[in-house]
Amino acid sequence: MPTQSLVEIRDVNFSYDQRPILNGINMSFGKGKLIAVMGGSGCGKTTLLRLIGGALKPTKGEVRIDGQVIHELDMAGLYAMRRKMGMLFQFGALFTDMSVYDNVAFQMREHTDLPDEIIHDLVMMKLHAVGLRGTHHLMPTELSGGMARRVALARTVALDPMLIMYDEPFAGLDPISLSVVGQLIRKLNDALGATSVIVTHDVQESLKIVDYVYFIAEGVIVAEGTPAEIIASDKPYVHQFVHGEMDGPIPFHYAAANSYAQDLGVNV
């Protein structure tokens, strides 16, 4: 990874009460790069995004963004840092009682003193960037799933953030919409000169667009590398995940106290 990084995660541990989630996590997100964080459900991927955004504090270690330790910032400092971030939530999370235009304009109205005519031009530019300028008057319920995700993407980059986080951006999309959203994420990252972090289960689409990949399992990083290195990896966990295999380190059967025969009352 490049030595110049926007995000540095150092020896981070995190637990919910007594339940450990992350254990000794070390990551570095280079400026201008697109990073994927992959792993099975419950491995701590979304928790990692919450730590980066300052919604959670690490039990141990630190998350440093643009040279500042997030959990050491006061409330004003944290809000100022968050204004430099964009977040695309799972399934878009558009405000259903607001039009497409008002959804994209929301952050501009909340965090800037820009006049309405400037906000109008910026909103239309963001919608144009995702190919949906003609939808500005529609309500979210009038959009397809793929269109709604693209509007959410326009809202995410409304303030030209330096750091963009995506929580399962491909979930629930058809193959065409999935590919469109993936290419938009790549193009917008490059156009803005931002650093982007994608938490995702979609291995194949992510490997087409990202610069670097981290794999998390049971709270630790089990593999990392470029897409080419990940595809060529012979590590059992990575191979099983990339190729979607049933047999591997992640078992198909949940551990049970009794054998199948014992549960059926069969003497063996």
C-alpha atoms as a PDB file:
ATOM      1  CA  MET A   1       0.000   0.000   0.000  1.00  0.00           C
ATOM      2  CA  PRO A   2       1.158   3.597  -0.538  1.00  0.00           C
ATOM      3  CA  THR A   3       2.989   5.195   2.398  1.00  0.00           C
ATOM      4  CA  GLN A   4       0.769   8.298   2.215  1.00  0.00           C
ATOM      5  CA  SER A   5      -2.488   7.179   3.817  1.00  0.00           C
ATOM      6  CA  LEU A   6      -5.695   8.941   4.693  1.00  0.00           C
ATOM      7  CA  VAL A   7      -6.853   6.272   7.160  1.00  0.00           C
ATOM      8  CA  GLU A   8      -4.607   4.396   9.574  1.00  0.00           C
ATOM      9  CA  ILE A   9      -6.070   1.673  11.777  1.00  0.00           C
ATOM     10  CA  ARG A  10      -3.578   0.475  14.353  1.00  0.00           C
ATOM     11  CA  ASP A  11      -3.937  -2.530  16.702  1.00  0.00           C
ATOM     12  CA  VAL A  12      -7.688  -2.019  17.014  1.00  0.00           C
ATOM     13  CA  ASN A  13      -9.708  -4.269  19.297  1.00  0.00           C
ATOM     14  CA  PHE A  14     -13.433  -3.916  19.793  1.00  0.00           C
ATOM     15  CA  SER A  15     -15.996  -5.823  21.847  1.00  0.00           C
ATOM     16  CA  TYR A  16     -19.715  -5.516  22.440  1.00  0.00           C
ATOM     17  CA  ASP A  17     -19.831  -6.037  26.218  1.00  0.00           C
ATOM     18  CA  GLN A  18     -17.880  -9.279  26.629  1.00  0.00           C
ATOM     19  CA  ARG A  19     -18.281 -10.415  23.013  1.00  0.00           C
ATOM     20  CA  PRO A  20     -15.089  -9.749  21.002  1.00  0.00           C
ATOM     21  CA  ILE A  21     -15.643  -8.531  17.444  1.00  0.00           C
ATOM     22  CA  LEU A  22     -12.264  -7.229  16.235  1.00  0.00           C
ATOM     23  CA  ASN A  23      -8.867  -8.320  17.489  1.00  0.00           C
ATOM     24  CA  GLY A  24      -5.629  -6.518  16.610  1.00  0.00           C
ATOM     25  CA  ILE A  25      -6.772  -5.033  13.305  1.00  0.00           C
ATOM     26  CA  ASN A  26      -4.162  -3.115  11.266  1.00  0.00           C
ATOM     27  CA  MET A  27      -5.145  -1.406   8.010  1.00  0.00           C
ATOM     28  CA  SER A  28      -3.920   1.460   5.876  1.00  0.00           C
ATOM     29  CA  PHE A  29      -6.073   3.194   3.248  1.00  0.00           C
ATOM     30  CA  GLY A  30      -3.975   5.154   0.759  1.00  0.00           C
ATOM     31  CA  LYS A  31      -5.175   8.533  -0.476  1.00  0.00           C
ATOM     32  CA  GLY A  32      -7.078   8.247  -3.745  1.00  0.00           C
ATOM     33  CA  LYS A  33      -7.437   4.471  -3.418  1.00  0.00           C
ATOM     34  CA  LEU A  34     -10.491   2.225  -3.454  1.00  0.00           C
ATOM     35  CA  ILE A  35     -10.330  -0.449  -0.762  1.00  0.00           C
ATOM     36  CA  ALA A  36     -12.563  -3.487  -0.217  1.00  0.00           C
ATOM     37  CA  VAL A  37     -13.136  -5.090   3.179  1.00  0.00           C
ATOM     38  CA  MET A  38     -14.591  -8.577   2.795  1.00  0.00           C
ATOM     39  CA  GLY A  39     -15.593 -11.419   5.057  1.00  0.00           C
ATOM     40  CA  GLY A  40     -18.539 -13.465   6.216  1.00  0.00           C
ATOM     41  CA  SER A  41     -21.583 -12.061   7.998  1.00  0.00           C
ATOM     42  CA  GLY A  42     -20.834 -11.001  11.563  1.00  0.00           C
ATOM     43  CA  CYS A  43     -17.061 -10.798  11.104  1.00  0.00           C
ATOM     44  CA  GLY A  44     -16.915  -7.094  12.032  1.00  0.00           C
ATOM     45  CA  LYS A  45     -16.961  -5.299   8.664  1.00  0.00           C
ATOM     46  CA  THR A  46     -19.769  -2.839   9.450  1.00  0.00           C
ATOM     47  CA  THR A  47     -18.388  -2.375  12.967  1.00  0.00           C
ATOM     48  CA  LEU A  48     -15.166  -1.244  11.320  1.00  0.00           C
ATOM     49  CA  LEU A  49     -17.057   1.459   9.383  1.00  0.00           C
ATOM     50  CA  ARG A  50     -18.667   2.653  12.613  1.00  0.00           C
ATOM     51  CA  LEU A  51     -15.254   2.924  14.231  1.00  0.00           C
ATOM     52  CA  ILE A  52     -13.953   4.952  11.275  1.00  0.00           C
ATOM     53  CA  GLY A  53     -16.989   7.248  11.460  1.00  0.00           C
ATOM     54  CA  GLY A  54     -16.609   7.753  15.197  1.00  0.00           C
ATOM     55  CA  ALA A  55     -19.951   6.147  16.102  1.00  0.00           C
ATOM     56  CA  LEU A  56     -18.001   3.597  18.169  1.00  0.00           C
ATOM     57  CA  LYS A  57     -14.753   3.815  20.129  1.00  0.00           C
ATOM     58  CA  PRO A  58     -12.176   1.015  19.997  1.00  0.00           C
ATOM     59  CA  THR A  59     -11.593  -1.012  23.127  1.00  0.00           C
ATOM     60  CA  LYS A  60      -7.903  -0.793  22.303  1.00  0.00           C
ATOM     61  CA  GLY A  61      -5.820   0.855  19.595  1.00  0.00           C
ATOM     62  CA  GLU A  62      -6.642   3.860  17.444  1.00  0.00           C
ATOM     63  CA  VAL A  63      -8.287   4.927  14.197  1.00  0.00           C
ATOM     64  CA  ARG A  64      -6.490   7.909  12.672  1.00  0.00           C
ATOM     65  CA  ILE A  65      -8.007   9.887   9.778  1.00  0.00           C
ATOM     66  CA  ASP A  66      -6.041  12.622   8.068  1.00  0.00           C
ATOM     67  CA  GLY A  67      -3.660  12.586  11.024  1.00  0.00           C
ATOM     68  CA  GLN A  68      -6.338  12.855  13.731  1.00  0.00           C
ATOM     69  CA  VAL A  69      -7.349  10.110  16.175  1.00  0.00           C
ATOM     70  CA  ILE A  70     -11.129   9.908  15.801  1.00  0.00           C
ATOM     71  CA  HIS A  71     -12.043   8.839  19.331  1.00  0.00           C
ATOM     72  CA  GLU A  72      -9.939  11.679  20.820  1.00  0.00           C
ATOM     73  CA  LEU A  73     -11.900  14.413  19.021  1.00  0.00           C
ATOM     74  CA  ASP A  74     -14.463  16.480  20.925  1.00  0.00           C
ATOM     75  CA  MET A  75     -18.009  16.683  19.564  1.00  0.00           C
ATOM     76  CA  ALA A  76     -17.309  19.749  17.424  1.00  0.00           C
ATOM     77  CA  GLY A  77     -14.158  18.169  16.012  1.00  0.00           C
ATOM     78  CA  LEU A  78     -15.956  14.900  15.268  1.00  0.00           C
ATOM     79  CA  TYR A  79     -18.776  16.677  13.424  1.00  0.00           C
ATOM     80  CA  ALA A  80     -16.235  18.704  11.443  1.00  0.00           C
ATOM     81  CA  MET A  81     -14.473  15.475  10.440  1.00  0.00           C
ATOM     82  CA  ARG A  82     -17.737  13.800   9.496  1.00  0.00           C
ATOM     83  CA  ARG A  83     -18.521  16.647   7.089  1.00  0.00           C
ATOM     84  CA  LYS A  84     -15.510  15.427   5.126  1.00  0.00           C
ATOM     85  CA  MET A  85     -16.955  11.911   4.928  1.00  0.00           C
ATOM     86  CA  GLY A  86     -19.684  10.369   2.797  1.00  0.00           C
ATOM     87  CA  MET A  87     -21.631   7.238   3.682  1.00  0.00           C
ATOM     88  CA  LEU A  88     -23.707   5.014   1.415  1.00  0.00           C
ATOM     89  CA  PHE A  89     -25.899   2.883   3.651  1.00  0.00           C
ATOM     90  CA  GLN A  90     -27.240  -0.561   2.826  1.00  0.00           C
ATOM     91  CA  PHE A  91     -30.128  -0.291   0.336  1.00  0.00           C
ATOM     92  CA  GLY A  92     -29.521   3.467  -0.024  1.00  0.00           C
ATOM     93  CA  ALA A  93     -31.627   4.672   2.936  1.00  0.00           C
ATOM     94  CA  LEU A  94     -33.181   7.591   1.051  1.00  0.00           C
ATOM     95  CA  PHE A  95     -35.602   9.844   2.910  1.00  0.00           C
ATOM     96  CA  THR A  96     -38.884   8.479   1.603  1.00  0.00           C
ATOM     97  CA  ASP A  97     -40.871  11.680   2.192  1.00  0.00           C
ATOM     98  CA  MET A  98     -38.405  13.814   0.230  1.00  0.00           C
ATOM     99  CA  SER A  99     -38.001  14.109  -3.526  1.00  0.00           C
ATOM    100  CA  VAL A 100     -34.844  12.970  -5.283  1.00  0.00           C
ATOM    101  CA  TYR A 101     -33.762  16.618  -5.497  1.00  0.00           C
ATOM    102  CA  ASP A 102     -34.292  17.244  -1.774  1.00  0.00           C
ATOM    103  CA  ASN A 103     -32.462  14.035  -0.825  1.00  0.00           C
ATOM    104  CA  VAL A 104     -29.331  15.142  -2.664  1.00  0.00           C
ATOM    105  CA  ALA A 105     -29.671  18.742  -1.448  1.00  0.00           C
ATOM    106  CA  PHE A 106     -30.113  17.710   2.198  1.00  0.00           C
ATOM    107  CA  GLN A 107     -26.447  17.841   3.257  1.00  0.00           C
ATOM    108  CA  MET A 108     -25.813  21.059   1.355  1.00  0.00           C
ATOM    109  CA  ARG A 109     -28.660  22.737   3.209  1.00  0.00           C
ATOM    110  CA  GLU A 110     -27.617  21.310   6.571  1.00  0.00           C
ATOM    111  CA  HIS A 111     -23.881  21.969   6.415  1.00  0.00           C
ATOM    112  CA  THR A 112     -23.388  24.982   4.131  1.00  0.00           C
ATOM    113  CA  ASP A 113     -24.717  28.518   3.679  1.00  0.00           C
ATOM    114  CA  LEU A 114     -24.883  28.221  -0.087  1.00  0.00           C
ATOM    115  CA  PRO A 115     -27.711  30.106  -1.806  1.00  0.00           C
ATOM    116  CA  ASP A 116     -30.541  28.097  -3.353  1.00  0.00           C
ATOM    117  CA  GLU A 117     -29.426  28.760  -6.927  1.00  0.00           C
ATOM    118  CA  ILE A 118     -25.951  27.327  -6.230  1.00  0.00           C
ATOM    119  CA  ILE A 119     -27.447  24.316  -4.437  1.00  0.00           C
ATOM    120  CA  HIS A 120     -29.707  23.761  -7.439  1.00  0.00           C
ATOM    121  CA  ASP A 121     -26.765  23.695  -9.841  1.00  0.00           C
ATOM    122  CA  LEU A 122     -24.748  21.364  -7.573  1.00  0.00           C
ATOM    123  CA  VAL A 123     -27.658  18.946  -7.105  1.00  0.00           C
ATOM    124  CA  MET A 124     -28.233  18.745 -10.834  1.00  0.00           C
ATOM    125  CA  MET A 125     -24.500  18.168 -11.393  1.00  0.00           C
ATOM    126  CA  LYS A 126     -24.440  15.291  -8.889  1.00  0.00           C
ATOM    127  CA  LEU A 127     -27.541  13.714 -10.426  1.00  0.00           C
ATOM    128  CA  HIS A 128     -26.067  14.134 -13.891  1.00  0.00           C
ATOM    129  CA  ALA A 129     -22.914  12.338 -12.725  1.00  0.00           C
ATOM    130  CA  VAL A 130     -24.987   9.246 -11.863  1.00  0.00           C
ATOM    131  CA  GLY A 131     -27.135   9.536 -14.993  1.00  0.00           C
ATOM    132  CA  LEU A 132     -30.337  10.588 -13.220  1.00  0.00           C
ATOM    133  CA  ARG A 133     -30.717  14.332 -13.772  1.00  0.00           C
ATOM    134  CA  GLY A 134     -34.182  13.700 -15.197  1.00  0.00           C
ATOM    135  CA  THR A 135     -35.428  12.129 -11.940  1.00  0.00           C
ATOM    136  CA  HIS A 136     -34.991  15.196  -9.728  1.00  0.00           C
ATOM    137  CA  HIS A 137     -38.759  15.693  -9.288  1.00  0.00           C
ATOM    138  CA  LEU A 138     -39.565  12.035  -8.489  1.00  0.00           C
ATOM    139  CA  MET A 139     -40.113  10.478  -5.057  1.00  0.00           C
ATOM    140  CA  PRO A 140     -38.026   7.483  -3.935  1.00  0.00           C
ATOM    141  CA  THR A 141     -41.053   5.184  -4.259  1.00  0.00           C
ATOM    142  CA  GLU A 142     -41.137   5.976  -7.981  1.00  0.00           C
ATOM    143  CA  LEU A 143     -37.582   4.709  -8.525  1.00  0.00           C
ATOM    144  CA  SER A 144     -36.313   1.231  -9.294  1.00  0.00           C
ATOM    145  CA  GLY A 145     -33.882  -0.338  -6.843  1.00  0.00           C
ATOM    146  CA  GLY A 146     -30.889   0.446  -9.033  1.00  0.00           C
ATOM    147  CA  MET A 147     -31.998   4.042  -9.594  1.00  0.00           C
ATOM    148  CA  ALA A 148     -32.534   4.568  -5.859  1.00  0.00           C
ATOM    149  CA  ARG A 149     -29.008   3.317  -5.158  1.00  0.00           C
ATOM    150  CA  ARG A 150     -27.600   5.761  -7.705  1.00  0.00           C
ATOM    151  CA  VAL A 151     -29.520   8.658  -6.136  1.00  0.00           C
ATOM    152  CA  ALA A 152     -28.124   7.596  -2.754  1.00  0.00           C
ATOM    153  CA  LEU A 153     -24.674   7.631  -4.328  1.00  0.00           C
ATOM    154  CA  ALA A 154     -25.244  11.186  -5.586  1.00  0.00           C
ATOM    155  CA  ARG A 155     -26.269  12.192  -2.054  1.00  0.00           C
ATOM    156  CA  THR A 156     -23.183  10.475  -0.622  1.00  0.00           C
ATOM    157  CA  VAL A 157     -20.818  12.615  -2.720  1.00  0.00           C
ATOM    158  CA  ALA A 158     -22.880  15.823  -2.396  1.00  0.00           C
ATOM    159  CA  LEU A 159     -20.179  17.623  -0.359  1.00  0.00           C
ATOM    160  CA  ASP A 160     -17.210  16.169  -2.282  1.00  0.00           C
ATOM    161  CA  PRO A 161     -15.964  14.106   0.698  1.00  0.00           C
ATOM    162  CA  MET A 162     -12.341  13.091   1.110  1.00  0.00           C
ATOM    163  CA  LEU A 163     -13.422   9.702   2.536  1.00  0.00           C
ATOM    164  CA  ILE A 164     -16.371   7.680   1.221  1.00  0.00           C
ATOM    165  CA  MET A 165     -17.679   4.558   2.964  1.00  0.00           C
ATOM    166  CA  TYR A 166     -19.969   2.011   1.304  1.00  0.00           C
ATOM    167  CA  ASP A 167     -21.859  -0.554   3.377  1.00  0.00           C
ATOM    168  CA  GLU A 168     -22.897  -3.388   1.029  1.00  0.00           C
ATOM    169  CA  PRO A 169     -23.504  -1.094  -1.976  1.00  0.00           C
ATOM    170  CA  PHE A 170     -24.369  -4.006  -4.284  1.00  0.00           C
ATOM    171  CA  ALA A 171     -26.968  -5.707  -2.065  1.00  0.00           C
ATOM    172  CA  GLY A 172     -30.253  -6.489  -3.816  1.00  0.00           C
ATOM    173  CA  LEU A 173     -29.245  -5.185  -7.255  1.00  0.00           C
ATOM    174  CA  ASP A 174     -29.783  -6.933 -10.569  1.00  0.00           C
ATOM    175  CA  PRO A 175     -26.633  -7.701 -12.613  1.00  0.00           C
ATOM    176  CA  ILE A 176     -26.919  -4.604 -14.822  1.00  0.00           C
ATOM    177  CA  SER A 177     -27.541  -2.202 -11.928  1.00  0.00           C
ATOM    178  CA  LEU A 178     -24.771  -3.885  -9.937  1.00  0.00           C
ATOM    179  CA  SER A 179     -22.259  -3.293 -12.712  1.00  0.00           C
ATOM    180  CA  VAL A 180     -23.422   0.311 -13.200  1.00  0.00           C
ATOM    181  CA  VAL A 181     -23.101   1.118  -9.488  1.00  0.00           C
ATOM    182  CA  GLY A 182     -19.676  -0.531  -9.351  1.00  0.00           C
ATOM    183  CA  GLN A 183     -18.344   1.533 -12.246  1.00  0.00           C
ATOM    184  CA  LEU A 184     -19.853   4.713 -10.766  1.00  0.00           C
ATOM    185  CA  ILE A 185     -18.105   4.070  -7.449  1.00  0.00           C
ATOM    186  CA  ARG A 186     -14.785   3.736  -9.267  1.00  0.00           C
ATOM    187  CA  LYS A 187     -15.301   6.782 -11.501  1.00  0.00           C
ATOM    188  CA  LEU A 188     -16.545   9.053  -8.716  1.00  0.00           C
ATOM    189  CA  ASN A 189     -13.651   8.043  -6.472  1.00  0.00           C
ATOM    190  CA  ASP A 190     -11.155   8.959  -9.188  1.00  0.00           C
ATOM    191  CA  ALA A 191     -12.952  12.171 -10.179  1.00  0.00           C
ATOM    192  CA  LEU A 192     -13.088  13.411  -6.585  1.00  0.00           C
ATOM    193  CA  GLY A 193      -9.601  12.214  -5.667  1.00  0.00           C
ATOM    194  CA  ALA A 194     -11.249  10.585  -2.647  1.00  0.00           C
ATOM    195  CA  THR A 195     -10.400   7.505  -0.622  1.00  0.00           C
ATOM    196  CA  SER A 196     -13.182   4.908  -0.645  1.00  0.00           C
ATOM    197  CA  VAL A 197     -13.851   1.870   1.538  1.00  0.00           C
ATOM    198  CA  ILE A 198     -16.317  -0.787   0.393  1.00  0.00           C
ATOM    199  CA  VAL A 199     -17.689  -3.361   2.819  1.00  0.00           C
ATOM    200  CA  THR A 200     -19.144  -6.082   0.641  1.00  0.00           C
ATOM    201  CA  HIS A 201     -19.938  -9.743   0.060  1.00  0.00           C
ATOM    202  CA  ASP A 202     -19.845  -9.339  -3.715  1.00  0.00           C
ATOM    203  CA  VAL A 203     -16.393 -10.683  -4.485  1.00  0.00           C
ATOM    204  CA  GLN A 204     -16.453 -10.743  -8.277  1.00  0.00           C
ATOM    205  CA  GLU A 205     -17.773  -7.204  -8.829  1.00  0.00           C
ATOM    206  CA  SER A 206     -15.502  -5.712  -6.166  1.00  0.00           C
ATOM    207  CA  LEU A 207     -12.351  -7.306  -7.535  1.00  0.00           C
ATOM    208  CA  LYS A 208     -13.031  -5.556 -10.869  1.00  0.00           C
ATOM    209  CA  ILE A 209     -12.881  -2.052  -9.389  1.00  0.00           C
ATOM    210  CA  VAL A 210     -10.821  -1.947  -6.178  1.00  0.00           C
ATOM    211  CA  ASP A 211      -7.104  -1.343  -5.666  1.00  0.00           C
ATOM    212  CA  TYR A 212      -6.635  -3.417  -2.513  1.00  0.00           C
ATOM    213  CA  VAL A 213      -8.539  -6.001  -0.465  1.00  0.00           C
ATOM    214  CA  TYR A 214      -8.637  -6.967   3.213  1.00  0.00           C
ATOM    215  CA  PHE A 215     -10.284 -10.230   4.290  1.00  0.00           C
ATOM    216  CA  ILE A 216     -11.580 -10.472   7.874  1.00  0.00           C
ATOM    217  CA  ALA A 217     -12.539 -13.725   9.616  1.00  0.00           C
ATOM    218  CA  GLU A 218     -13.293 -14.203  13.296  1.00  0.00           C
ATOM    219  CA  GLY A 219     -12.202 -10.643  14.042  1.00  0.00           C
ATOM    220  CA  VAL A 220      -8.738 -10.773  12.476  1.00  0.00           C
ATOM    221  CA  ILE A 221      -7.287 -10.067   9.045  1.00  0.00           C
ATOM    222  CA  VAL A 222      -6.638 -13.429   7.423  1.00  0.00           C
ATOM    223  CA  ALA A 223      -5.481 -12.097   4.039  1.00  0.00           C
ATOM    224  CA  GLU A 224      -4.790  -8.886   2.163  1.00  0.00           C
ATOM    225  CA  GLY A 225      -3.471  -7.893  -1.234  1.00  0.00           C
ATOM    226  CA  THR A 226      -4.285  -6.590  -4.683  1.00  0.00           C
ATOM    227  CA  PRO A 227      -7.192  -8.181  -6.582  1.00  0.00           C
ATOM    228  CA  ALA A 228      -4.729 -10.272  -8.603  1.00  0.00           C
ATOM    229  CA  GLU A 229      -3.046 -11.519  -5.423  1.00  0.00           C
ATOM    230  CA  ILE A 230      -6.394 -12.363  -3.827  1.00  0.00           C
ATOM    231  CA  ILE A 231      -7.592 -14.301  -6.870  1.00  0.00           C
ATOM    232  CA  ALA A 232      -4.332 -16.264  -6.927  1.00  0.00           C
ATOM    233  CA  SER A 233      -4.287 -16.890  -3.170  1.00  0.00           C
ATOM    234  CA  ASP A 234      -3.999 -20.478  -1.982  1.00  0.00           C
ATOM    235  CA  LYS A 235      -5.127 -19.655   1.551  1.00  0.00           C
ATOM    236  CA  PRO A 236      -8.102 -21.935   2.300  1.00  0.00           C
ATOM    237  CA  TYR A 237     -10.377 -19.193   3.668  1.00  0.00           C
ATOM    238  CA  VAL A 238      -9.747 -16.829   0.767  1.00  0.00           C
ATOM    239  CA  HIS A 239     -10.115 -19.576  -1.823  1.00  0.00           C
ATOM    240  CA  GLN A 240     -13.441 -20.710  -0.311  1.00  0.00           C
ATOM    241  CA  PHE A 241     -14.805 -17.157  -0.159  1.00  0.00           C
ATOM    242  CA  VAL A 242     -13.673 -16.060  -3.634  1.00  0.00           C
ATOM    243  CA  HIS A 243     -14.989 -19.207  -5.309  1.00  0.00           C
ATOM    244  CA  GLY A 244     -18.128 -19.604  -3.154  1.00  0.00           C
ATOM    245  CA  GLU A 245     -17.318 -23.165  -2.119  1.00  0.00           C
ATOM    246  CA  MET A 246     -19.398 -25.043   0.456  1.00  0.00           C
ATOM    247  CA  ASP A 247     -16.460 -26.951   1.968  1.00  0.00           C
ATOM    248  CA  GLY A 248     -13.626 -25.085   3.642  1.00  0.00           C
ATOM    249  CA  PRO A 249     -12.668 -23.269   6.854  1.00  0.00           C
ATOM    250  CA  ILE A 250     -16.203 -21.866   7.103  1.00  0.00           C
ATOM    251  CA  PRO A 251     -18.300 -24.966   7.916  1.00  0.00           C
ATOM    252  CA  PHE A 252     -21.686 -25.690   6.386  1.00  0.00           C
ATOM    253  CA  HIS A 253     -22.976 -27.275   9.623  1.00  0.00           C
ATOM    254  CA  TYR A 254     -23.266 -25.305  12.851  1.00  0.00           C
ATOM    255  CA  ALA A 255     -21.610 -27.185  15.718  1.00  0.00           C
ATOM    256  CA  ALA A 256     -24.035 -29.415  17.670  1.00  0.00           C
ATOM    257  CA  ALA A 257     -23.616 -31.177  21.017  1.00  0.00           C
ATOM    258  CA  ASN A 258     -25.020 -34.446  19.669  1.00  0.00           C
ATOM    259  CA  SER A 259     -24.443 -36.284  16.455  1.00  0.00           C
ATOM    260  CA  TYR A 260     -27.170 -36.403  13.799  1.00  0.00           C
ATOM    261  CA  ALA A 261     -27.766 -40.085  14.629  1.00  0.00           C
ATOM    262  CA  GLN A 262     -28.149 -39.303  18.352  1.00  0.00           C
ATOM    263  CA  ASP A 263     -30.719 -36.577  17.611  1.00  0.00           C
ATOM    264  CA  LEU A 264     -32.695 -39.131  15.612  1.00  0.00           C
ATOM    265  CA  GLY A 265     -32.457 -41.696  18.450  1.00  0.00           C
ATOM    266  CA  VAL A 266     -30.453 -44.113  16.333  1.00  0.00           C
ATOM    267  CA  ASN A 267     -27.971 -46.387  18.103  1.00  0.00           C
ATOM    268  CA  VAL A 268     -24.637 -46.524  16.324  1.00  0.00           C
END
